[in-house]
Amino acid sequence: MPFRLPEVMEEYDPEPEVSVVDVYDIASEIGKEFEKIIDSYGSDSVTYLMPKVINALEHLELLATKNERENTTVEELRARITQLENEKIEKAEDRHRFEKVIVLY
């Protein structure tokens, strides 16, 4: 019988950004696949693999958490840049109006 990826992996299209929730969903699907393997072949069949998969998922969770934090920081910085640019435009407009007033007097 040829090797075939589980259905969940066939449908899984990795996105550039993986959220913590995505990691939990992936972990859940992997857990279901482990249960099927254990039901068919016993727990010895995954004894050495399961800790490695869990470790990889924990690393992925940490990276996803870090990525989400960094994305939040980037969005906050973008909002601050927009605010500062708007303030700069307002000040330039005020300065322009002030210069017009000074010229009139």
PDB file of N, CA and C in Angstrom:
ATOM      1  N   MET A   1       0.851  -1.174   0.000  1.00  0.00           N
ATOM      2  CA  MET A   1       0.000   0.000   0.000  1.00  0.00           C
ATOM      3  C   MET A   1       0.901   1.243   0.000  1.00  0.00           C
ATOM      4  N   PRO A   2       0.757   2.149  -0.978  1.00  0.00           N
ATOM      5  CA  PRO A   2       1.601   3.340  -1.046  1.00  0.00           C
ATOM      6  C   PRO A   2       1.286   4.300   0.100  1.00  0.00           C
ATOM      7  N   PHE A   3       2.324   5.036   0.498  1.00  0.00           N
ATOM      8  CA  PHE A   3       2.153   6.008   1.565  1.00  0.00           C
ATOM      9  C   PHE A   3       1.289   7.154   1.071  1.00  0.00           C
ATOM     10  N   ARG A   4       0.350   7.556   1.890  1.00  0.00           N
ATOM     11  CA  ARG A   4      -0.548   8.649   1.551  1.00  0.00           C
ATOM     12  C   ARG A   4      -0.632   9.587   2.738  1.00  0.00           C
ATOM     13  N   LEU A   5      -0.496  10.883   2.479  1.00  0.00           N
ATOM     14  CA  LEU A   5      -0.621  11.862   3.550  1.00  0.00           C
ATOM     15  C   LEU A   5      -2.027  11.829   4.119  1.00  0.00           C
ATOM     16  N   PRO A   6      -2.147  12.019   5.412  1.00  0.00           N
ATOM     17  CA  PRO A   6      -3.502  12.122   5.985  1.00  0.00           C
ATOM     18  C   PRO A   6      -4.254  13.266   5.330  1.00  0.00           C
ATOM     19  N   GLU A   7      -5.561  13.135   5.327  1.00  0.00           N
ATOM     20  CA  GLU A   7      -6.413  14.137   4.691  1.00  0.00           C
ATOM     21  C   GLU A   7      -6.108  15.549   5.182  1.00  0.00           C
ATOM     22  N   VAL A   8      -5.884  15.695   6.468  1.00  0.00           N
ATOM     23  CA  VAL A   8      -5.644  17.026   7.022  1.00  0.00           C
ATOM     24  C   VAL A   8      -4.398  17.653   6.400  1.00  0.00           C
ATOM     25  N   MET A   9      -3.380  16.867   6.121  1.00  0.00           N
ATOM     26  CA  MET A   9      -2.152  17.401   5.546  1.00  0.00           C
ATOM     27  C   MET A   9      -2.332  17.719   4.060  1.00  0.00           C
ATOM     28  N   GLU A  10      -3.177  16.983   3.387  1.00  0.00           N
ATOM     29  CA  GLU A  10      -3.435  17.274   1.980  1.00  0.00           C
ATOM     30  C   GLU A  10      -4.150  18.613   1.832  1.00  0.00           C
ATOM     31  N   GLU A  11      -5.024  18.909   2.785  1.00  0.00           N
ATOM     32  CA  GLU A  11      -5.779  20.152   2.736  1.00  0.00           C
ATOM     33  C   GLU A  11      -4.994  21.313   3.304  1.00  0.00           C
ATOM     34  N   TYR A  12      -3.959  21.029   4.077  1.00  0.00           N
ATOM     35  CA  TYR A  12      -3.211  22.074   4.763  1.00  0.00           C
ATOM     36  C   TYR A  12      -2.355  22.838   3.770  1.00  0.00           C
ATOM     37  N   ASP A  13      -2.641  24.108   3.648  1.00  0.00           N
ATOM     38  CA  ASP A  13      -1.887  24.991   2.779  1.00  0.00           C
ATOM     39  C   ASP A  13      -1.177  25.989   3.671  1.00  0.00           C
ATOM     40  N   PRO A  14       0.120  25.785   3.900  1.00  0.00           N
ATOM     41  CA  PRO A  14       0.788  26.666   4.857  1.00  0.00           C
ATOM     42  C   PRO A  14       0.722  28.124   4.430  1.00  0.00           C
ATOM     43  N   GLU A  15       0.342  28.964   5.371  1.00  0.00           N
ATOM     44  CA  GLU A  15       0.282  30.394   5.131  1.00  0.00           C
ATOM     45  C   GLU A  15       1.568  31.011   5.633  1.00  0.00           C
ATOM     46  N   PRO A  16       1.898  32.184   5.142  1.00  0.00           N
ATOM     47  CA  PRO A  16       3.137  32.799   5.600  1.00  0.00           C
ATOM     48  C   PRO A  16       3.142  33.078   7.097  1.00  0.00           C
ATOM     49  N   GLU A  17       1.985  33.276   7.671  1.00  0.00           N
ATOM     50  CA  GLU A  17       1.891  33.531   9.099  1.00  0.00           C
ATOM     51  C   GLU A  17       0.995  32.479   9.738  1.00  0.00           C
ATOM     52  N   VAL A  18       1.536  31.829  10.744  1.00  0.00           N
ATOM     53  CA  VAL A  18       0.784  30.812  11.465  1.00  0.00           C
ATOM     54  C   VAL A  18       0.466  31.375  12.841  1.00  0.00           C
ATOM     55  N   SER A  19      -0.803  31.384  13.200  1.00  0.00           N
ATOM     56  CA  SER A  19      -1.211  31.902  14.507  1.00  0.00           C
ATOM     57  C   SER A  19      -1.125  30.791  15.553  1.00  0.00           C
ATOM     58  N   VAL A  20      -1.214  31.189  16.810  1.00  0.00           N
ATOM     59  CA  VAL A  20      -1.211  30.218  17.892  1.00  0.00           C
ATOM     60  C   VAL A  20      -2.415  29.295  17.753  1.00  0.00           C
ATOM     61  N   VAL A  21      -3.539  29.844  17.366  1.00  0.00           N
ATOM     62  CA  VAL A  21      -4.745  29.023  17.167  1.00  0.00           C
ATOM     63  C   VAL A  21      -4.505  27.998  16.057  1.00  0.00           C
ATOM     64  N   ASP A  22      -3.816  28.406  14.990  1.00  0.00           N
ATOM     65  CA  ASP A  22      -3.480  27.467  13.920  1.00  0.00           C
ATOM     66  C   ASP A  22      -2.637  26.311  14.463  1.00  0.00           C
ATOM     67  N   VAL A  23      -1.677  26.641  15.324  1.00  0.00           N
ATOM     68  CA  VAL A  23      -0.810  25.608  15.909  1.00  0.00           C
ATOM     69  C   VAL A  23      -1.654  24.638  16.730  1.00  0.00           C
ATOM     70  N   TYR A  24      -2.610  25.159  17.509  1.00  0.00           N
ATOM     71  CA  TYR A  24      -3.468  24.288  18.310  1.00  0.00           C
ATOM     72  C   TYR A  24      -4.323  23.394  17.407  1.00  0.00           C
ATOM     73  N   ASP A  25      -4.811  23.948  16.317  1.00  0.00           N
ATOM     74  CA  ASP A  25      -5.601  23.151  15.369  1.00  0.00           C
ATOM     75  C   ASP A  25      -4.754  22.041  14.746  1.00  0.00           C
ATOM     76  N   ILE A  26      -3.527  22.396  14.367  1.00  0.00           N
ATOM     77  CA  ILE A  26      -2.612  21.401  13.782  1.00  0.00           C
ATOM     78  C   ILE A  26      -2.310  20.321  14.812  1.00  0.00           C
ATOM     79  N   ALA A  27      -2.042  20.735  16.056  1.00  0.00           N
ATOM     80  CA  ALA A  27      -1.746  19.772  17.124  1.00  0.00           C
ATOM     81  C   ALA A  27      -2.922  18.829  17.338  1.00  0.00           C
ATOM     82  N   SER A  28      -4.121  19.369  17.285  1.00  0.00           N
ATOM     83  CA  SER A  28      -5.312  18.539  17.459  1.00  0.00           C
ATOM     84  C   SER A  28      -5.417  17.495  16.345  1.00  0.00           C
ATOM     85  N   GLU A  29      -5.189  17.931  15.123  1.00  0.00           N
ATOM     86  CA  GLU A  29      -5.258  16.998  13.994  1.00  0.00           C
ATOM     87  C   GLU A  29      -4.169  15.931  14.088  1.00  0.00           C
ATOM     88  N   ILE A  30      -2.977  16.339  14.479  1.00  0.00           N
ATOM     89  CA  ILE A  30      -1.891  15.372  14.647  1.00  0.00           C
ATOM     90  C   ILE A  30      -2.251  14.388  15.757  1.00  0.00           C
ATOM     91  N   GLY A  31      -2.829  14.890  16.845  1.00  0.00           N
ATOM     92  CA  GLY A  31      -3.259  14.016  17.935  1.00  0.00           C
ATOM     93  C   GLY A  31      -4.265  12.977  17.471  1.00  0.00           C
ATOM     94  N   LYS A  32      -5.191  13.387  16.629  1.00  0.00           N
ATOM     95  CA  LYS A  32      -6.180  12.441  16.095  1.00  0.00           C
ATOM     96  C   LYS A  32      -5.504  11.366  15.255  1.00  0.00           C
ATOM     97  N   GLU A  33      -4.508  11.770  14.475  1.00  0.00           N
ATOM     98  CA  GLU A  33      -3.783  10.799  13.657  1.00  0.00           C
ATOM     99  C   GLU A  33      -2.983   9.846  14.536  1.00  0.00           C
ATOM    100  N   PHE A  34      -2.381  10.367  15.610  1.00  0.00           N
ATOM    101  CA  PHE A  34      -1.672   9.500  16.560  1.00  0.00           C
ATOM    102  C   PHE A  34      -2.628   8.487  17.172  1.00  0.00           C
ATOM    103  N   GLU A  35      -3.828   8.936  17.518  1.00  0.00           N
ATOM    104  CA  GLU A  35      -4.811   8.020  18.103  1.00  0.00           C
ATOM    105  C   GLU A  35      -5.146   6.889  17.137  1.00  0.00           C
ATOM    106  N   LYS A  36      -5.282   7.220  15.855  1.00  0.00           N
ATOM    107  CA  LYS A  36      -5.568   6.179  14.856  1.00  0.00           C
ATOM    108  C   LYS A  36      -4.419   5.180  14.771  1.00  0.00           C
ATOM    109  N   ILE A  37      -3.204   5.697  14.784  1.00  0.00           N
ATOM    110  CA  ILE A  37      -2.031   4.817  14.711  1.00  0.00           C
ATOM    111  C   ILE A  37      -1.965   3.936  15.954  1.00  0.00           C
ATOM    112  N   ILE A  38      -2.206   4.530  17.125  1.00  0.00           N
ATOM    113  CA  ILE A  38      -2.173   3.766  18.374  1.00  0.00           C
ATOM    114  C   ILE A  38      -3.256   2.699  18.377  1.00  0.00           C
ATOM    115  N   ASP A  39      -4.458   3.047  17.898  1.00  0.00           N
ATOM    116  CA  ASP A  39      -5.549   2.069  17.833  1.00  0.00           C
ATOM    117  C   ASP A  39      -5.198   0.913  16.901  1.00  0.00           C
ATOM    118  N   SER A  40      -4.497   1.212  15.820  1.00  0.00           N
ATOM    119  CA  SER A  40      -4.167   0.176  14.847  1.00  0.00           C
ATOM    120  C   SER A  40      -2.927  -0.630  15.223  1.00  0.00           C
ATOM    121  N   TYR A  41      -1.914   0.045  15.756  1.00  0.00           N
ATOM    122  CA  TYR A  41      -0.617  -0.614  15.941  1.00  0.00           C
ATOM    123  C   TYR A  41      -0.104  -0.605  17.377  1.00  0.00           C
ATOM    124  N   GLY A  42      -0.832   0.008  18.288  1.00  0.00           N
ATOM    125  CA  GLY A  42      -0.402   0.058  19.681  1.00  0.00           C
ATOM    126  C   GLY A  42       0.433   1.289  19.979  1.00  0.00           C
ATOM    127  N   SER A  43       0.561   1.588  21.263  1.00  0.00           N
ATOM    128  CA  SER A  43       1.263   2.812  21.660  1.00  0.00           C
ATOM    129  C   SER A  43       2.761   2.747  21.400  1.00  0.00           C
ATOM    130  N   ASP A  44       3.314   1.547  21.330  1.00  0.00           N
ATOM    131  CA  ASP A  44       4.752   1.421  21.052  1.00  0.00           C
ATOM    132  C   ASP A  44       5.121   1.997  19.685  1.00  0.00           C
ATOM    133  N   SER A  45       4.155   2.036  18.780  1.00  0.00           N
ATOM    134  CA  SER A  45       4.437   2.518  17.420  1.00  0.00           C
ATOM    135  C   SER A  45       4.735   4.016  17.369  1.00  0.00           C
ATOM    136  N   VAL A  46       4.347   4.758  18.404  1.00  0.00           N
ATOM    137  CA  VAL A  46       4.584   6.205  18.406  1.00  0.00           C
ATOM    138  C   VAL A  46       5.386   6.678  19.614  1.00  0.00           C
ATOM    139  N   THR A  47       5.888   5.748  20.401  1.00  0.00           N
ATOM    140  CA  THR A  47       6.580   6.091  21.640  1.00  0.00           C
ATOM    141  C   THR A  47       7.722   7.071  21.421  1.00  0.00           C
ATOM    142  N   TYR A  48       8.525   6.858  20.414  1.00  0.00           N
ATOM    143  CA  TYR A  48       9.700   7.709  20.187  1.00  0.00           C
ATOM    144  C   TYR A  48       9.375   8.924  19.320  1.00  0.00           C
ATOM    145  N   LEU A  49       8.338   8.825  18.515  1.00  0.00           N
ATOM    146  CA  LEU A  49       7.975   9.915  17.623  1.00  0.00           C
ATOM    147  C   LEU A  49       7.182  11.014  18.335  1.00  0.00           C
ATOM    148  N   MET A  50       6.283  10.635  19.217  1.00  0.00           N
ATOM    149  CA  MET A  50       5.384  11.605  19.840  1.00  0.00           C
ATOM    150  C   MET A  50       6.122  12.725  20.578  1.00  0.00           C
ATOM    151  N   PRO A  51       7.132  12.447  21.406  1.00  0.00           N
ATOM    152  CA  PRO A  51       7.825  13.556  22.080  1.00  0.00           C
ATOM    153  C   PRO A  51       8.490  14.529  21.102  1.00  0.00           C
ATOM    154  N   LYS A  52       8.982  14.004  19.994  1.00  0.00           N
ATOM    155  CA  LYS A  52       9.606  14.873  18.994  1.00  0.00           C
ATOM    156  C   LYS A  52       8.577  15.775  18.326  1.00  0.00           C
ATOM    157  N   VAL A  53       7.420  15.224  18.031  1.00  0.00           N
ATOM    158  CA  VAL A  53       6.347  16.013  17.417  1.00  0.00           C
ATOM    159  C   VAL A  53       5.854  17.068  18.408  1.00  0.00           C
ATOM    160  N   ILE A  54       5.685  16.680  19.655  1.00  0.00           N
ATOM    161  CA  ILE A  54       5.243  17.637  20.682  1.00  0.00           C
ATOM    162  C   ILE A  54       6.255  18.761  20.821  1.00  0.00           C
ATOM    163  N   ASN A  55       7.538  18.409  20.848  1.00  0.00           N
ATOM    164  CA  ASN A  55       8.593  19.421  20.946  1.00  0.00           C
ATOM    165  C   ASN A  55       8.538  20.382  19.755  1.00  0.00           C
ATOM    166  N   ALA A  56       8.354  19.840  18.556  1.00  0.00           N
ATOM    167  CA  ALA A  56       8.271  20.681  17.358  1.00  0.00           C
ATOM    168  C   ALA A  56       7.051  21.602  17.431  1.00  0.00           C
ATOM    169  N   LEU A  57       5.928  21.083  17.900  1.00  0.00           N
ATOM    170  CA  LEU A  57       4.717  21.900  18.031  1.00  0.00           C
ATOM    171  C   LEU A  57       4.898  22.996  19.081  1.00  0.00           C
ATOM    172  N   GLU A  58       5.601  22.678  20.166  1.00  0.00           N
ATOM    173  CA  GLU A  58       5.873  23.693  21.188  1.00  0.00           C
ATOM    174  C   GLU A  58       6.736  24.812  20.617  1.00  0.00           C
ATOM    175  N   HIS A  59       7.740  24.435  19.829  1.00  0.00           N
ATOM    176  CA  HIS A  59       8.577  25.458  19.179  1.00  0.00           C
ATOM    177  C   HIS A  59       7.742  26.299  18.221  1.00  0.00           C
ATOM    178  N   LEU A  60       6.895  25.645  17.457  1.00  0.00           N
ATOM    179  CA  LEU A  60       6.032  26.362  16.524  1.00  0.00           C
ATOM    180  C   LEU A  60       5.102  27.309  17.271  1.00  0.00           C
ATOM    181  N   GLU A  61       4.580  26.872  18.410  1.00  0.00           N
ATOM    182  CA  GLU A  61       3.714  27.732  19.221  1.00  0.00           C
ATOM    183  C   GLU A  61       4.482  28.969  19.706  1.00  0.00           C
ATOM    184  N   LEU A  62       5.706  28.766  20.180  1.00  0.00           N
ATOM    185  CA  LEU A  62       6.518  29.896  20.639  1.00  0.00           C
ATOM    186  C   LEU A  62       6.789  30.874  19.501  1.00  0.00           C
ATOM    187  N   LEU A  63       7.111  30.350  18.329  1.00  0.00           N
ATOM    188  CA  LEU A  63       7.362  31.219  17.175  1.00  0.00           C
ATOM    189  C   LEU A  63       6.099  31.959  16.753  1.00  0.00           C
ATOM    190  N   ALA A  64       4.964  31.276  16.791  1.00  0.00           N
ATOM    191  CA  ALA A  64       3.700  31.922  16.433  1.00  0.00           C
ATOM    192  C   ALA A  64       3.362  33.028  17.428  1.00  0.00           C
ATOM    193  N   THR A  65       3.611  32.780  18.712  1.00  0.00           N
ATOM    194  CA  THR A  65       3.363  33.789  19.739  1.00  0.00           C
ATOM    195  C   THR A  65       4.252  35.001  19.504  1.00  0.00           C
ATOM    196  N   LYS A  66       5.531  34.740  19.249  1.00  0.00           N
ATOM    197  CA  LYS A  66       6.475  35.830  18.982  1.00  0.00           C
ATOM    198  C   LYS A  66       6.048  36.604  17.739  1.00  0.00           C
ATOM    199  N   ASN A  67       5.641  35.897  16.708  1.00  0.00           N
ATOM    200  CA  ASN A  67       5.203  36.538  15.468  1.00  0.00           C
ATOM    201  C   ASN A  67       3.987  37.418  15.698  1.00  0.00           C
ATOM    202  N   GLU A  68       3.025  36.930  16.481  1.00  0.00           N
ATOM    203  CA  GLU A  68       1.827  37.722  16.773  1.00  0.00           C
ATOM    204  C   GLU A  68       2.182  38.986  17.551  1.00  0.00           C
ATOM    205  N   ARG A  69       3.098  38.846  18.530  1.00  0.00           N
ATOM    206  CA  ARG A  69       3.541  40.018  19.293  1.00  0.00           C
ATOM    207  C   ARG A  69       4.226  41.031  18.385  1.00  0.00           C
ATOM    208  N   GLU A  70       5.098  40.537  17.523  1.00  0.00           N
ATOM    209  CA  GLU A  70       5.801  41.437  16.609  1.00  0.00           C
ATOM    210  C   GLU A  70       4.848  42.097  15.629  1.00  0.00           C
ATOM    211  N   ASN A  71       3.853  41.363  15.155  1.00  0.00           N
ATOM    212  CA  ASN A  71       2.854  41.955  14.253  1.00  0.00           C
ATOM    213  C   ASN A  71       2.074  43.058  14.955  1.00  0.00           C
ATOM    214  N   THR A  72       1.750  42.839  16.220  1.00  0.00           N
ATOM    215  CA  THR A  72       1.055  43.862  16.999  1.00  0.00           C
ATOM    216  C   THR A  72       1.926  45.106  17.130  1.00  0.00           C
ATOM    217  N   THR A  73       3.195  44.900  17.427  1.00  0.00           N
ATOM    218  CA  THR A  73       4.127  46.023  17.555  1.00  0.00           C
ATOM    219  C   THR A  73       4.241  46.777  16.238  1.00  0.00           C
ATOM    220  N   VAL A  74       4.351  46.055  15.142  1.00  0.00           N
ATOM    221  CA  VAL A  74       4.457  46.691  13.825  1.00  0.00           C
ATOM    222  C   VAL A  74       3.203  47.516  13.537  1.00  0.00           C
ATOM    223  N   GLU A  75       2.039  46.971  13.828  1.00  0.00           N
ATOM    224  CA  GLU A  75       0.800  47.714  13.596  1.00  0.00           C
ATOM    225  C   GLU A  75       0.731  48.967  14.462  1.00  0.00           C
ATOM    226  N   GLU A  76       1.164  48.841  15.722  1.00  0.00           N
ATOM    227  CA  GLU A  76       1.181  50.014  16.596  1.00  0.00           C
ATOM    228  C   GLU A  76       2.139  51.075  16.057  1.00  0.00           C
ATOM    229  N   LEU A  77       3.297  50.650  15.584  1.00  0.00           N
ATOM    230  CA  LEU A  77       4.265  51.597  15.027  1.00  0.00           C
ATOM    231  C   LEU A  77       3.741  52.243  13.747  1.00  0.00           C
ATOM    232  N   ARG A  78       3.068  51.468  12.926  1.00  0.00           N
ATOM    233  CA  ARG A  78       2.481  52.037  11.698  1.00  0.00           C
ATOM    234  C   ARG A  78       1.429  53.082  12.043  1.00  0.00           C
ATOM    235  N   ALA A  79       0.613  52.774  13.035  1.00  0.00           N
ATOM    236  CA  ALA A  79      -0.415  53.739  13.459  1.00  0.00           C
ATOM    237  C   ALA A  79       0.242  55.008  13.989  1.00  0.00           C
ATOM    238  N   ARG A  80       1.312  54.851  14.749  1.00  0.00           N
ATOM    239  CA  ARG A  80       2.025  56.019  15.286  1.00  0.00           C
ATOM    240  C   ARG A  80       2.651  56.828  14.150  1.00  0.00           C
ATOM    241  N   ILE A  81       3.217  56.162  13.163  1.00  0.00           N
ATOM    242  CA  ILE A  81       3.798  56.864  12.006  1.00  0.00           C
ATOM    243  C   ILE A  81       2.729  57.663  11.284  1.00  0.00           C
ATOM    244  N   THR A  82       1.566  57.038  11.072  1.00  0.00           N
ATOM    245  CA  THR A  82       0.462  57.736  10.410  1.00  0.00           C
ATOM    246  C   THR A  82       0.043  58.957  11.216  1.00  0.00           C
ATOM    247  N   GLN A  83      -0.052  58.791  12.528  1.00  0.00           N
ATOM    248  CA  GLN A  83      -0.424  59.907  13.403  1.00  0.00           C
ATOM    249  C   GLN A  83       0.611  61.027  13.294  1.00  0.00           C
ATOM    250  N   LEU A  84       1.886  60.691  13.343  1.00  0.00           N
ATOM    251  CA  LEU A  84       2.940  61.706  13.252  1.00  0.00           C
ATOM    252  C   LEU A  84       2.957  62.394  11.892  1.00  0.00           C
ATOM    253  N   GLU A  85       2.709  61.620  10.829  1.00  0.00           N
ATOM    254  CA  GLU A  85       2.653  62.223   9.495  1.00  0.00           C
ATOM    255  C   GLU A  85       1.492  63.202   9.396  1.00  0.00           C
ATOM    256  N   ASN A  86       0.343  62.830   9.973  1.00  0.00           N
ATOM    257  CA  ASN A  86      -0.817  63.728   9.967  1.00  0.00           C
ATOM    258  C   ASN A  86      -0.536  64.993  10.768  1.00  0.00           C
ATOM    259  N   GLU A  87       0.123  64.836  11.910  1.00  0.00           N
ATOM    260  CA  GLU A  87       0.493  66.001  12.709  1.00  0.00           C
ATOM    261  C   GLU A  87       1.462  66.907  11.940  1.00  0.00           C
ATOM    262  N   LYS A  88       2.383  66.298  11.217  1.00  0.00           N
ATOM    263  CA  LYS A  88       3.347  67.067  10.422  1.00  0.00           C
ATOM    264  C   LYS A  88       2.629  67.872   9.343  1.00  0.00           C
ATOM    265  N   ILE A  89       1.657  67.238   8.684  1.00  0.00           N
ATOM    266  CA  ILE A  89       0.881  67.927   7.649  1.00  0.00           C
ATOM    267  C   ILE A  89       0.092  69.079   8.261  1.00  0.00           C
ATOM    268  N   GLU A  90      -0.538  68.832   9.412  1.00  0.00           N
ATOM    269  CA  GLU A  90      -1.312  69.881  10.092  1.00  0.00           C
ATOM    270  C   GLU A  90      -0.419  71.056  10.476  1.00  0.00           C
ATOM    271  N   LYS A  91       0.760  70.766  10.992  1.00  0.00           N
ATOM    272  CA  LYS A  91       1.686  71.831  11.373  1.00  0.00           C
ATOM    273  C   LYS A  91       2.147  72.613  10.148  1.00  0.00           C
ATOM    274  N   ALA A  92       2.390  71.932   9.048  1.00  0.00           N
ATOM    275  CA  ALA A  92       2.795  72.610   7.822  1.00  0.00           C
ATOM    276  C   ALA A  92       1.669  73.520   7.330  1.00  0.00           C
ATOM    277  N   GLU A  93       0.432  73.024   7.410  1.00  0.00           N
ATOM    278  CA  GLU A  93      -0.706  73.842   7.010  1.00  0.00           C
ATOM    279  C   GLU A  93      -0.854  75.055   7.932  1.00  0.00           C
ATOM    280  N   ASP A  94      -0.697  74.844   9.242  1.00  0.00           N
ATOM    281  CA  ASP A  94      -0.754  75.956  10.201  1.00  0.00           C
ATOM    282  C   ASP A  94       0.346  76.969   9.900  1.00  0.00           C
ATOM    283  N   ARG A  95       1.554  76.476   9.636  1.00  0.00           N
ATOM    284  CA  ARG A  95       2.677  77.358   9.331  1.00  0.00           C
ATOM    285  C   ARG A  95       2.396  78.155   8.064  1.00  0.00           C
ATOM    286  N   HIS A  96       1.821  77.481   7.060  1.00  0.00           N
ATOM    287  CA  HIS A  96       1.495  78.142   5.797  1.00  0.00           C
ATOM    288  C   HIS A  96       0.453  79.250   6.031  1.00  0.00           C
ATOM    289  N   ARG A  97      -0.585  78.960   6.824  1.00  0.00           N
ATOM    290  CA  ARG A  97      -1.600  79.965   7.139  1.00  0.00           C
ATOM    291  C   ARG A  97      -0.987  81.128   7.926  1.00  0.00           C
ATOM    292  N   PHE A  98      -0.125  80.808   8.867  1.00  0.00           N
ATOM    293  CA  PHE A  98       0.531  81.836   9.662  1.00  0.00           C
ATOM    294  C   PHE A  98       1.383  82.745   8.779  1.00  0.00           C
ATOM    295  N   GLU A  99       2.110  82.153   7.829  1.00  0.00           N
ATOM    296  CA  GLU A  99       2.934  82.943   6.924  1.00  0.00           C
ATOM    297  C   GLU A  99       2.083  83.885   6.061  1.00  0.00           C
ATOM    298  N   LYS A 100       0.897  83.398   5.656  1.00  0.00           N
ATOM    299  CA  LYS A 100      -0.015  84.242   4.883  1.00  0.00           C
ATOM    300  C   LYS A 100      -0.479  85.423   5.721  1.00  0.00           C
ATOM    301  N   VAL A 101      -0.793  85.165   6.982  1.00  0.00           N
ATOM    302  CA  VAL A 101      -1.254  86.219   7.866  1.00  0.00           C
ATOM    303  C   VAL A 101      -0.141  87.248   8.071  1.00  0.00           C
ATOM    304  N   ILE A 102       1.071  86.787   8.260  1.00  0.00           N
ATOM    305  CA  ILE A 102       2.210  87.691   8.476  1.00  0.00           C
ATOM    306  C   ILE A 102       2.446  88.556   7.234  1.00  0.00           C
ATOM    307  N   VAL A 103       2.312  87.980   6.059  1.00  0.00           N
ATOM    308  CA  VAL A 103       2.514  88.721   4.812  1.00  0.00           C
ATOM    309  C   VAL A 103       1.458  89.830   4.690  1.00  0.00           C
ATOM    310  N   LEU A 104       0.245  89.564   5.145  1.00  0.00           N
ATOM    311  CA  LEU A 104      -0.828  90.545   5.032  1.00  0.00           C
ATOM    312  C   LEU A 104      -0.575  91.743   5.959  1.00  0.00           C
ATOM    313  N   TYR A 105       0.148  91.536   7.042  1.00  0.00           N
ATOM    314  CA  TYR A 105       0.386  92.635   7.975  1.00  0.00           C
ATOM    315  C   TYR A 105       1.698  93.225   7.697  1.00  0.00           C
TER     316      TYR A 105
END
